[in-house]
Amino acid sequence: MKSTRTAANALDGAFLETRGKILEVAANLDRVAQSSEPSAVSSDRRMTQLAAALAILTDNQPEKAKRCQMAFSLPYDATWHDRFQRS
């Protein structure tokens, strides 16, 4: 269901908070890049997930929150329950 709120109202209400969060992400990525061994995490799954989420934020597709959540989620495994059942 679409909101009756205008796009301008939504932007007005969230701009400063969103701007702050983006700056926080940028600062965190700067700290990683400026660390003593930034290449040590270049293939880290978490960096890959962050890059995927950032790409989602800049595309023109809908459901950004859902797709970002999925970028941080493990694929569905129909057998997970069997692995954790008690004998």
PDB file of N, CA and C in Angstrom:
ATOM      1  N   MET A   1       0.833  -1.174   0.000  1.00  0.00           N
ATOM      2  CA  MET A   1       0.000   0.000   0.000  1.00  0.00           C
ATOM      3  C   MET A   1       0.882   1.243   0.000  1.00  0.00           C
ATOM      4  N   LYS A   2       0.607   2.134  -0.927  1.00  0.00           N
ATOM      5  CA  LYS A   2       1.377   3.364  -1.020  1.00  0.00           C
ATOM      6  C   LYS A   2       0.984   4.339   0.076  1.00  0.00           C
ATOM      7  N   SER A   3       1.960   5.091   0.535  1.00  0.00           N
ATOM      8  CA  SER A   3       1.729   6.100   1.562  1.00  0.00           C
ATOM      9  C   SER A   3       1.070   7.328   0.947  1.00  0.00           C
ATOM     10  N   THR A   4       0.316   8.051   1.753  1.00  0.00           N
ATOM     11  CA  THR A   4      -0.259   9.312   1.294  1.00  0.00           C
ATOM     12  C   THR A   4       0.729  10.461   1.525  1.00  0.00           C
ATOM     13  N   ARG A   5       1.818  10.155   2.155  1.00  0.00           N
ATOM     14  CA  ARG A   5       2.871  11.126   2.422  1.00  0.00           C
ATOM     15  C   ARG A   5       3.577  11.475   1.107  1.00  0.00           C
ATOM     16  N   THR A   6       3.892  12.731   0.910  1.00  0.00           N
ATOM     17  CA  THR A   6       4.584  13.111  -0.317  1.00  0.00           C
ATOM     18  C   THR A   6       6.066  12.754  -0.221  1.00  0.00           C
ATOM     19  N   ALA A   7       6.699  12.621  -1.372  1.00  0.00           N
ATOM     20  CA  ALA A   7       8.126  12.327  -1.409  1.00  0.00           C
ATOM     21  C   ALA A   7       8.915  13.436  -0.719  1.00  0.00           C
ATOM     22  N   ALA A   8       8.509  14.674  -0.939  1.00  0.00           N
ATOM     23  CA  ALA A   8       9.200  15.805  -0.307  1.00  0.00           C
ATOM     24  C   ALA A   8       9.089  15.738   1.215  1.00  0.00           C
ATOM     25  N   ASN A   9       7.905  15.369   1.718  1.00  0.00           N
ATOM     26  CA  ASN A   9       7.735  15.231   3.171  1.00  0.00           C
ATOM     27  C   ASN A   9       8.601  14.102   3.721  1.00  0.00           C
ATOM     28  N   ALA A  10       8.652  12.993   3.002  1.00  0.00           N
ATOM     29  CA  ALA A  10       9.472  11.867   3.445  1.00  0.00           C
ATOM     30  C   ALA A  10      10.943  12.274   3.486  1.00  0.00           C
ATOM     31  N   LEU A  11      11.401  12.980   2.465  1.00  0.00           N
ATOM     32  CA  LEU A  11      12.790  13.433   2.423  1.00  0.00           C
ATOM     33  C   LEU A  11      13.063  14.448   3.527  1.00  0.00           C
ATOM     34  N   ASP A  12      12.153  15.378   3.714  1.00  0.00           N
ATOM     35  CA  ASP A  12      12.314  16.378   4.779  1.00  0.00           C
ATOM     36  C   ASP A  12      12.459  15.719   6.151  1.00  0.00           C
ATOM     37  N   GLY A  13      11.653  14.702   6.396  1.00  0.00           N
ATOM     38  CA  GLY A  13      11.650  14.059   7.704  1.00  0.00           C
ATOM     39  C   GLY A  13      12.850  13.173   7.973  1.00  0.00           C
ATOM     40  N   ALA A  14      13.502  12.711   6.930  1.00  0.00           N
ATOM     41  CA  ALA A  14      14.577  11.736   7.123  1.00  0.00           C
ATOM     42  C   ALA A  14      15.950  12.203   6.661  1.00  0.00           C
ATOM     43  N   PHE A  15      16.040  13.350   6.036  1.00  0.00           N
ATOM     44  CA  PHE A  15      17.298  13.753   5.414  1.00  0.00           C
ATOM     45  C   PHE A  15      18.471  13.819   6.391  1.00  0.00           C
ATOM     46  N   LEU A  16      18.325  14.555   7.463  1.00  0.00           N
ATOM     47  CA  LEU A  16      19.463  14.735   8.379  1.00  0.00           C
ATOM     48  C   LEU A  16      19.901  13.417   9.020  1.00  0.00           C
ATOM     49  N   GLU A  17      18.944  12.600   9.433  1.00  0.00           N
ATOM     50  CA  GLU A  17      19.291  11.304  10.029  1.00  0.00           C
ATOM     51  C   GLU A  17      19.984  10.403   8.999  1.00  0.00           C
ATOM     52  N   THR A  18      19.459  10.376   7.797  1.00  0.00           N
ATOM     53  CA  THR A  18      20.048   9.546   6.744  1.00  0.00           C
ATOM     54  C   THR A  18      21.441  10.045   6.382  1.00  0.00           C
ATOM     55  N   ARG A  19      21.595  11.345   6.272  1.00  0.00           N
ATOM     56  CA  ARG A  19      22.904  11.940   5.976  1.00  0.00           C
ATOM     57  C   ARG A  19      23.922  11.526   7.037  1.00  0.00           C
ATOM     58  N   GLY A  20      23.513  11.588   8.300  1.00  0.00           N
ATOM     59  CA  GLY A  20      24.408  11.201   9.388  1.00  0.00           C
ATOM     60  C   GLY A  20      24.817   9.742   9.317  1.00  0.00           C
ATOM     61  N   LYS A  21      23.872   8.886   8.963  1.00  0.00           N
ATOM     62  CA  LYS A  21      24.185   7.453   8.863  1.00  0.00           C
ATOM     63  C   LYS A  21      25.130   7.175   7.702  1.00  0.00           C
ATOM     64  N   ILE A  22      24.936   7.879   6.595  1.00  0.00           N
ATOM     65  CA  ILE A  22      25.841   7.703   5.449  1.00  0.00           C
ATOM     66  C   ILE A  22      27.251   8.151   5.818  1.00  0.00           C
ATOM     67  N   LEU A  23      27.358   9.278   6.516  1.00  0.00           N
ATOM     68  CA  LEU A  23      28.677   9.746   6.959  1.00  0.00           C
ATOM     69  C   LEU A  23      29.325   8.759   7.922  1.00  0.00           C
ATOM     70  N   GLU A  24      28.521   8.134   8.771  1.00  0.00           N
ATOM     71  CA  GLU A  24      29.047   7.127   9.692  1.00  0.00           C
ATOM     72  C   GLU A  24      29.586   5.914   8.932  1.00  0.00           C
ATOM     73  N   VAL A  25      28.860   5.466   7.927  1.00  0.00           N
ATOM     74  CA  VAL A  25      29.327   4.345   7.093  1.00  0.00           C
ATOM     75  C   VAL A  25      30.627   4.726   6.392  1.00  0.00           C
ATOM     76  N   ALA A  26      30.671   5.920   5.831  1.00  0.00           N
ATOM     77  CA  ALA A  26      31.881   6.379   5.146  1.00  0.00           C
ATOM     78  C   ALA A  26      33.076   6.414   6.101  1.00  0.00           C
ATOM     79  N   ALA A  27      32.861   6.895   7.310  1.00  0.00           N
ATOM     80  CA  ALA A  27      33.943   6.950   8.298  1.00  0.00           C
ATOM     81  C   ALA A  27      34.414   5.551   8.676  1.00  0.00           C
ATOM     82  N   ASN A  28      33.487   4.619   8.830  1.00  0.00           N
ATOM     83  CA  ASN A  28      33.870   3.242   9.156  1.00  0.00           C
ATOM     84  C   ASN A  28      34.688   2.622   8.027  1.00  0.00           C
ATOM     85  N   LEU A  29      34.275   2.848   6.789  1.00  0.00           N
ATOM     86  CA  LEU A  29      35.032   2.309   5.654  1.00  0.00           C
ATOM     87  C   LEU A  29      36.401   2.973   5.541  1.00  0.00           C
ATOM     88  N   ASP A  30      36.481   4.271   5.868  1.00  0.00           N
ATOM     89  CA  ASP A  30      37.781   4.958   5.904  1.00  0.00           C
ATOM     90  C   ASP A  30      38.703   4.327   6.943  1.00  0.00           C
ATOM     91  N   ARG A  31      38.161   3.994   8.113  1.00  0.00           N
ATOM     92  CA  ARG A  31      38.986   3.378   9.156  1.00  0.00           C
ATOM     93  C   ARG A  31      39.542   2.029   8.693  1.00  0.00           C
ATOM     94  N   VAL A  32      38.733   1.263   8.001  1.00  0.00           N
ATOM     95  CA  VAL A  32      39.213  -0.021   7.466  1.00  0.00           C
ATOM     96  C   VAL A  32      40.305   0.241   6.426  1.00  0.00           C
ATOM     97  N   ALA A  33      40.051   1.170   5.515  1.00  0.00           N
ATOM     98  CA  ALA A  33      41.009   1.462   4.442  1.00  0.00           C
ATOM     99  C   ALA A  33      42.320   2.023   4.970  1.00  0.00           C
ATOM    100  N   GLN A  34      42.264   2.747   6.079  1.00  0.00           N
ATOM    101  CA  GLN A  34      43.464   3.380   6.627  1.00  0.00           C
ATOM    102  C   GLN A  34      44.149   2.530   7.693  1.00  0.00           C
ATOM    103  N   SER A  35      43.664   1.313   7.890  1.00  0.00           N
ATOM    104  CA  SER A  35      44.271   0.435   8.889  1.00  0.00           C
ATOM    105  C   SER A  35      45.605  -0.099   8.383  1.00  0.00           C
ATOM    106  N   SER A  36      46.285  -0.848   9.230  1.00  0.00           N
ATOM    107  CA  SER A  36      47.613  -1.336   8.861  1.00  0.00           C
ATOM    108  C   SER A  36      47.590  -2.392   7.753  1.00  0.00           C
ATOM    109  N   GLU A  37      46.497  -3.125   7.609  1.00  0.00           N
ATOM    110  CA  GLU A  37      46.417  -4.153   6.577  1.00  0.00           C
ATOM    111  C   GLU A  37      45.030  -4.172   5.917  1.00  0.00           C
ATOM    112  N   PRO A  38      44.666  -3.130   5.180  1.00  0.00           N
ATOM    113  CA  PRO A  38      43.323  -3.095   4.596  1.00  0.00           C
ATOM    114  C   PRO A  38      43.065  -4.219   3.594  1.00  0.00           C
ATOM    115  N   SER A  39      44.111  -4.683   2.923  1.00  0.00           N
ATOM    116  CA  SER A  39      43.921  -5.752   1.936  1.00  0.00           C
ATOM    117  C   SER A  39      43.566  -7.084   2.595  1.00  0.00           C
ATOM    118  N   ALA A  40      43.819  -7.201   3.898  1.00  0.00           N
ATOM    119  CA  ALA A  40      43.519  -8.451   4.600  1.00  0.00           C
ATOM    120  C   ALA A  40      42.018  -8.727   4.646  1.00  0.00           C
ATOM    121  N   VAL A  41      41.199  -7.703   4.480  1.00  0.00           N
ATOM    122  CA  VAL A  41      39.745  -7.912   4.519  1.00  0.00           C
ATOM    123  C   VAL A  41      39.091  -7.711   3.154  1.00  0.00           C
ATOM    124  N   SER A  42      39.880  -7.528   2.112  1.00  0.00           N
ATOM    125  CA  SER A  42      39.296  -7.258   0.797  1.00  0.00           C
ATOM    126  C   SER A  42      38.414  -8.396   0.301  1.00  0.00           C
ATOM    127  N   SER A  43      38.713  -9.621   0.698  1.00  0.00           N
ATOM    128  CA  SER A  43      37.868 -10.748   0.280  1.00  0.00           C
ATOM    129  C   SER A  43      36.993 -11.267   1.421  1.00  0.00           C
ATOM    130  N   ASP A  44      36.946 -10.534   2.509  1.00  0.00           N
ATOM    131  CA  ASP A  44      36.111 -10.904   3.652  1.00  0.00           C
ATOM    132  C   ASP A  44      34.637 -10.846   3.249  1.00  0.00           C
ATOM    133  N   ARG A  45      33.884 -11.847   3.636  1.00  0.00           N
ATOM    134  CA  ARG A  45      32.456 -11.925   3.306  1.00  0.00           C
ATOM    135  C   ARG A  45      31.717 -10.662   3.735  1.00  0.00           C
ATOM    136  N   ARG A  46      32.082 -10.096   4.859  1.00  0.00           N
ATOM    137  CA  ARG A  46      31.390  -8.904   5.360  1.00  0.00           C
ATOM    138  C   ARG A  46      31.619  -7.696   4.459  1.00  0.00           C
ATOM    139  N   MET A  47      32.826  -7.559   3.931  1.00  0.00           N
ATOM    140  CA  MET A  47      33.091  -6.458   3.002  1.00  0.00           C
ATOM    141  C   MET A  47      32.292  -6.652   1.716  1.00  0.00           C
ATOM    142  N   THR A  48      32.178  -7.898   1.276  1.00  0.00           N
ATOM    143  CA  THR A  48      31.382  -8.205   0.089  1.00  0.00           C
ATOM    144  C   THR A  48      29.916  -7.857   0.334  1.00  0.00           C
ATOM    145  N   GLN A  49      29.422  -8.180   1.522  1.00  0.00           N
ATOM    146  CA  GLN A  49      28.037  -7.861   1.872  1.00  0.00           C
ATOM    147  C   GLN A  49      27.824  -6.341   1.925  1.00  0.00           C
ATOM    148  N   LEU A  50      28.767  -5.623   2.510  1.00  0.00           N
ATOM    149  CA  LEU A  50      28.654  -4.166   2.566  1.00  0.00           C
ATOM    150  C   LEU A  50      28.640  -3.571   1.168  1.00  0.00           C
ATOM    151  N   ALA A  51      29.523  -4.058   0.299  1.00  0.00           N
ATOM    152  CA  ALA A  51      29.567  -3.552  -1.074  1.00  0.00           C
ATOM    153  C   ALA A  51      28.252  -3.830  -1.802  1.00  0.00           C
ATOM    154  N   ALA A  52      27.690  -5.015  -1.590  1.00  0.00           N
ATOM    155  CA  ALA A  52      26.418  -5.356  -2.226  1.00  0.00           C
ATOM    156  C   ALA A  52      25.301  -4.433  -1.730  1.00  0.00           C
ATOM    157  N   ALA A  53      25.262  -4.183  -0.441  1.00  0.00           N
ATOM    158  CA  ALA A  53      24.231  -3.308   0.122  1.00  0.00           C
ATOM    159  C   ALA A  53      24.385  -1.879  -0.385  1.00  0.00           C
ATOM    160  N   LEU A  54      25.614  -1.405  -0.473  1.00  0.00           N
ATOM    161  CA  LEU A  54      25.839  -0.053  -0.991  1.00  0.00           C
ATOM    162  C   LEU A  54      25.404   0.064  -2.447  1.00  0.00           C
ATOM    163  N   ALA A  55      25.636  -0.981  -3.234  1.00  0.00           N
ATOM    164  CA  ALA A  55      25.197  -0.975  -4.634  1.00  0.00           C
ATOM    165  C   ALA A  55      23.671  -0.916  -4.721  1.00  0.00           C
ATOM    166  N   ILE A  56      23.006  -1.625  -3.833  1.00  0.00           N
ATOM    167  CA  ILE A  56      21.538  -1.608  -3.803  1.00  0.00           C
ATOM    168  C   ILE A  56      21.039  -0.198  -3.502  1.00  0.00           C
ATOM    169  N   LEU A  57      21.708   0.484  -2.580  1.00  0.00           N
ATOM    170  CA  LEU A  57      21.278   1.828  -2.200  1.00  0.00           C
ATOM    171  C   LEU A  57      21.354   2.823  -3.351  1.00  0.00           C
ATOM    172  N   THR A  58      22.205   2.568  -4.315  1.00  0.00           N
ATOM    173  CA  THR A  58      22.379   3.523  -5.411  1.00  0.00           C
ATOM    174  C   THR A  58      21.706   3.087  -6.707  1.00  0.00           C
ATOM    175  N   ASP A  59      21.020   1.944  -6.708  1.00  0.00           N
ATOM    176  CA  ASP A  59      20.311   1.551  -7.930  1.00  0.00           C
ATOM    177  C   ASP A  59      18.914   2.172  -7.944  1.00  0.00           C
ATOM    178  N   ASN A  60      18.217   2.011  -9.020  1.00  0.00           N
ATOM    179  CA  ASN A  60      16.879   2.602  -9.151  1.00  0.00           C
ATOM    180  C   ASN A  60      15.772   1.583  -8.961  1.00  0.00           C
ATOM    181  N   GLN A  61      16.045   0.518  -8.252  1.00  0.00           N
ATOM    182  CA  GLN A  61      15.064  -0.545  -8.035  1.00  0.00           C
ATOM    183  C   GLN A  61      14.330  -0.339  -6.709  1.00  0.00           C
ATOM    184  N   PRO A  62      13.114  -0.875  -6.598  1.00  0.00           N
ATOM    185  CA  PRO A  62      12.348  -0.746  -5.359  1.00  0.00           C
ATOM    186  C   PRO A  62      12.815  -1.722  -4.276  1.00  0.00           C
ATOM    187  N   GLU A  63      12.219  -1.604  -3.112  1.00  0.00           N
ATOM    188  CA  GLU A  63      12.432  -2.498  -1.969  1.00  0.00           C
ATOM    189  C   GLU A  63      13.890  -2.555  -1.522  1.00  0.00           C
ATOM    190  N   LYS A  64      14.498  -1.393  -1.376  1.00  0.00           N
ATOM    191  CA  LYS A  64      15.909  -1.335  -0.979  1.00  0.00           C
ATOM    192  C   LYS A  64      16.149  -1.972   0.385  1.00  0.00           C
ATOM    193  N   ALA A  65      15.283  -1.720   1.352  1.00  0.00           N
ATOM    194  CA  ALA A  65      15.482  -2.285   2.694  1.00  0.00           C
ATOM    195  C   ALA A  65      15.443  -3.808   2.644  1.00  0.00           C
ATOM    196  N   LYS A  66      14.484  -4.362   1.955  1.00  0.00           N
ATOM    197  CA  LYS A  66      14.361  -5.821   1.840  1.00  0.00           C
ATOM    198  C   LYS A  66      15.585  -6.406   1.138  1.00  0.00           C
ATOM    199  N   ARG A  67      16.009  -5.785   0.061  1.00  0.00           N
ATOM    200  CA  ARG A  67      17.150  -6.316  -0.686  1.00  0.00           C
ATOM    201  C   ARG A  67      18.456  -6.159   0.087  1.00  0.00           C
ATOM    202  N   CYS A  68      18.593  -5.079   0.850  1.00  0.00           N
ATOM    203  CA  CYS A  68      19.788  -4.925   1.694  1.00  0.00           C
ATOM    204  C   CYS A  68      19.798  -5.996   2.776  1.00  0.00           C
ATOM    205  N   GLN A  69      18.656  -6.249   3.386  1.00  0.00           N
ATOM    206  CA  GLN A  69      18.570  -7.302   4.406  1.00  0.00           C
ATOM    207  C   GLN A  69      19.000  -8.641   3.809  1.00  0.00           C
ATOM    208  N   MET A  70      18.560  -8.907   2.603  1.00  0.00           N
ATOM    209  CA  MET A  70      18.917 -10.170   1.948  1.00  0.00           C
ATOM    210  C   MET A  70      20.421 -10.230   1.644  1.00  0.00           C
ATOM    211  N   ALA A  71      21.034  -9.096   1.387  1.00  0.00           N
ATOM    212  CA  ALA A  71      22.477  -9.067   1.135  1.00  0.00           C
ATOM    213  C   ALA A  71      23.262  -9.525   2.363  1.00  0.00           C
ATOM    214  N   PHE A  72      22.670  -9.336   3.547  1.00  0.00           N
ATOM    215  CA  PHE A  72      23.326  -9.740   4.785  1.00  0.00           C
ATOM    216  C   PHE A  72      22.837 -11.088   5.308  1.00  0.00           C
ATOM    217  N   SER A  73      21.966 -11.737   4.572  1.00  0.00           N
ATOM    218  CA  SER A  73      21.366 -12.994   5.016  1.00  0.00           C
ATOM    219  C   SER A  73      22.007 -14.194   4.331  1.00  0.00           C
ATOM    220  N   LEU A  74      21.948 -15.310   5.016  1.00  0.00           N
ATOM    221  CA  LEU A  74      22.397 -16.564   4.408  1.00  0.00           C
ATOM    222  C   LEU A  74      21.300 -17.083   3.498  1.00  0.00           C
ATOM    223  N   PRO A  75      21.671 -17.818   2.451  1.00  0.00           N
ATOM    224  CA  PRO A  75      20.643 -18.415   1.596  1.00  0.00           C
ATOM    225  C   PRO A  75      19.802 -19.411   2.391  1.00  0.00           C
ATOM    226  N   TYR A  76      18.570 -19.569   1.983  1.00  0.00           N
ATOM    227  CA  TYR A  76      17.674 -20.508   2.647  1.00  0.00           C
ATOM    228  C   TYR A  76      18.199 -21.930   2.497  1.00  0.00           C
ATOM    229  N   ASP A  77      18.166 -22.674   3.584  1.00  0.00           N
ATOM    230  CA  ASP A  77      18.582 -24.078   3.580  1.00  0.00           C
ATOM    231  C   ASP A  77      17.439 -24.902   4.147  1.00  0.00           C
ATOM    232  N   ALA A  78      16.778 -25.653   3.290  1.00  0.00           N
ATOM    233  CA  ALA A  78      15.606 -26.435   3.705  1.00  0.00           C
ATOM    234  C   ALA A  78      15.964 -27.539   4.696  1.00  0.00           C
ATOM    235  N   THR A  79      17.233 -27.880   4.806  1.00  0.00           N
ATOM    236  CA  THR A  79      17.633 -28.968   5.697  1.00  0.00           C
ATOM    237  C   THR A  79      18.179 -28.489   7.035  1.00  0.00           C
ATOM    238  N   TRP A  80      18.110 -27.180   7.327  1.00  0.00           N
ATOM    239  CA  TRP A  80      18.722 -26.677   8.554  1.00  0.00           C
ATOM    240  C   TRP A  80      18.138 -27.345   9.795  1.00  0.00           C
ATOM    241  N   HIS A  81      16.869 -27.596   9.804  1.00  0.00           N
ATOM    242  CA  HIS A  81      16.223 -28.180  10.978  1.00  0.00           C
ATOM    243  C   HIS A  81      16.775 -29.576  11.256  1.00  0.00           C
ATOM    244  N   ASP A  82      17.003 -30.344  10.208  1.00  0.00           N
ATOM    245  CA  ASP A  82      17.515 -31.710  10.366  1.00  0.00           C
ATOM    246  C   ASP A  82      18.902 -31.724  11.025  1.00  0.00           C
ATOM    247  N   ARG A  83      19.689 -30.713  10.752  1.00  0.00           N
ATOM    248  CA  ARG A  83      21.042 -30.661  11.314  1.00  0.00           C
ATOM    249  C   ARG A  83      21.049 -30.325  12.791  1.00  0.00           C
ATOM    250  N   PHE A  84      19.970 -29.745  13.293  1.00  0.00           N
ATOM    251  CA  PHE A  84      19.930 -29.330  14.680  1.00  0.00           C
ATOM    252  C   PHE A  84      18.994 -30.166  15.551  1.00  0.00           C
ATOM    253  N   GLN A  85      18.394 -31.170  14.991  1.00  0.00           N
ATOM    254  CA  GLN A  85      17.529 -32.057  15.785  1.00  0.00           C
ATOM    255  C   GLN A  85      18.388 -32.912  16.696  1.00  0.00           C
ATOM    256  N   ARG A  86      17.849 -33.173  17.881  1.00  0.00           N
ATOM    257  CA  ARG A  86      18.562 -34.047  18.827  1.00  0.00           C
ATOM    258  C   ARG A  86      18.358 -35.495  18.431  1.00  0.00           C
ATOM    259  N   SER A  87      19.350 -36.284  18.692  1.00  0.00           N
ATOM    260  CA  SER A  87      19.274 -37.718  18.348  1.00  0.00           C
ATOM    261  C   SER A  87      18.412 -38.462  19.322  1.00  0.00           C
TER     262      SER A  87
END
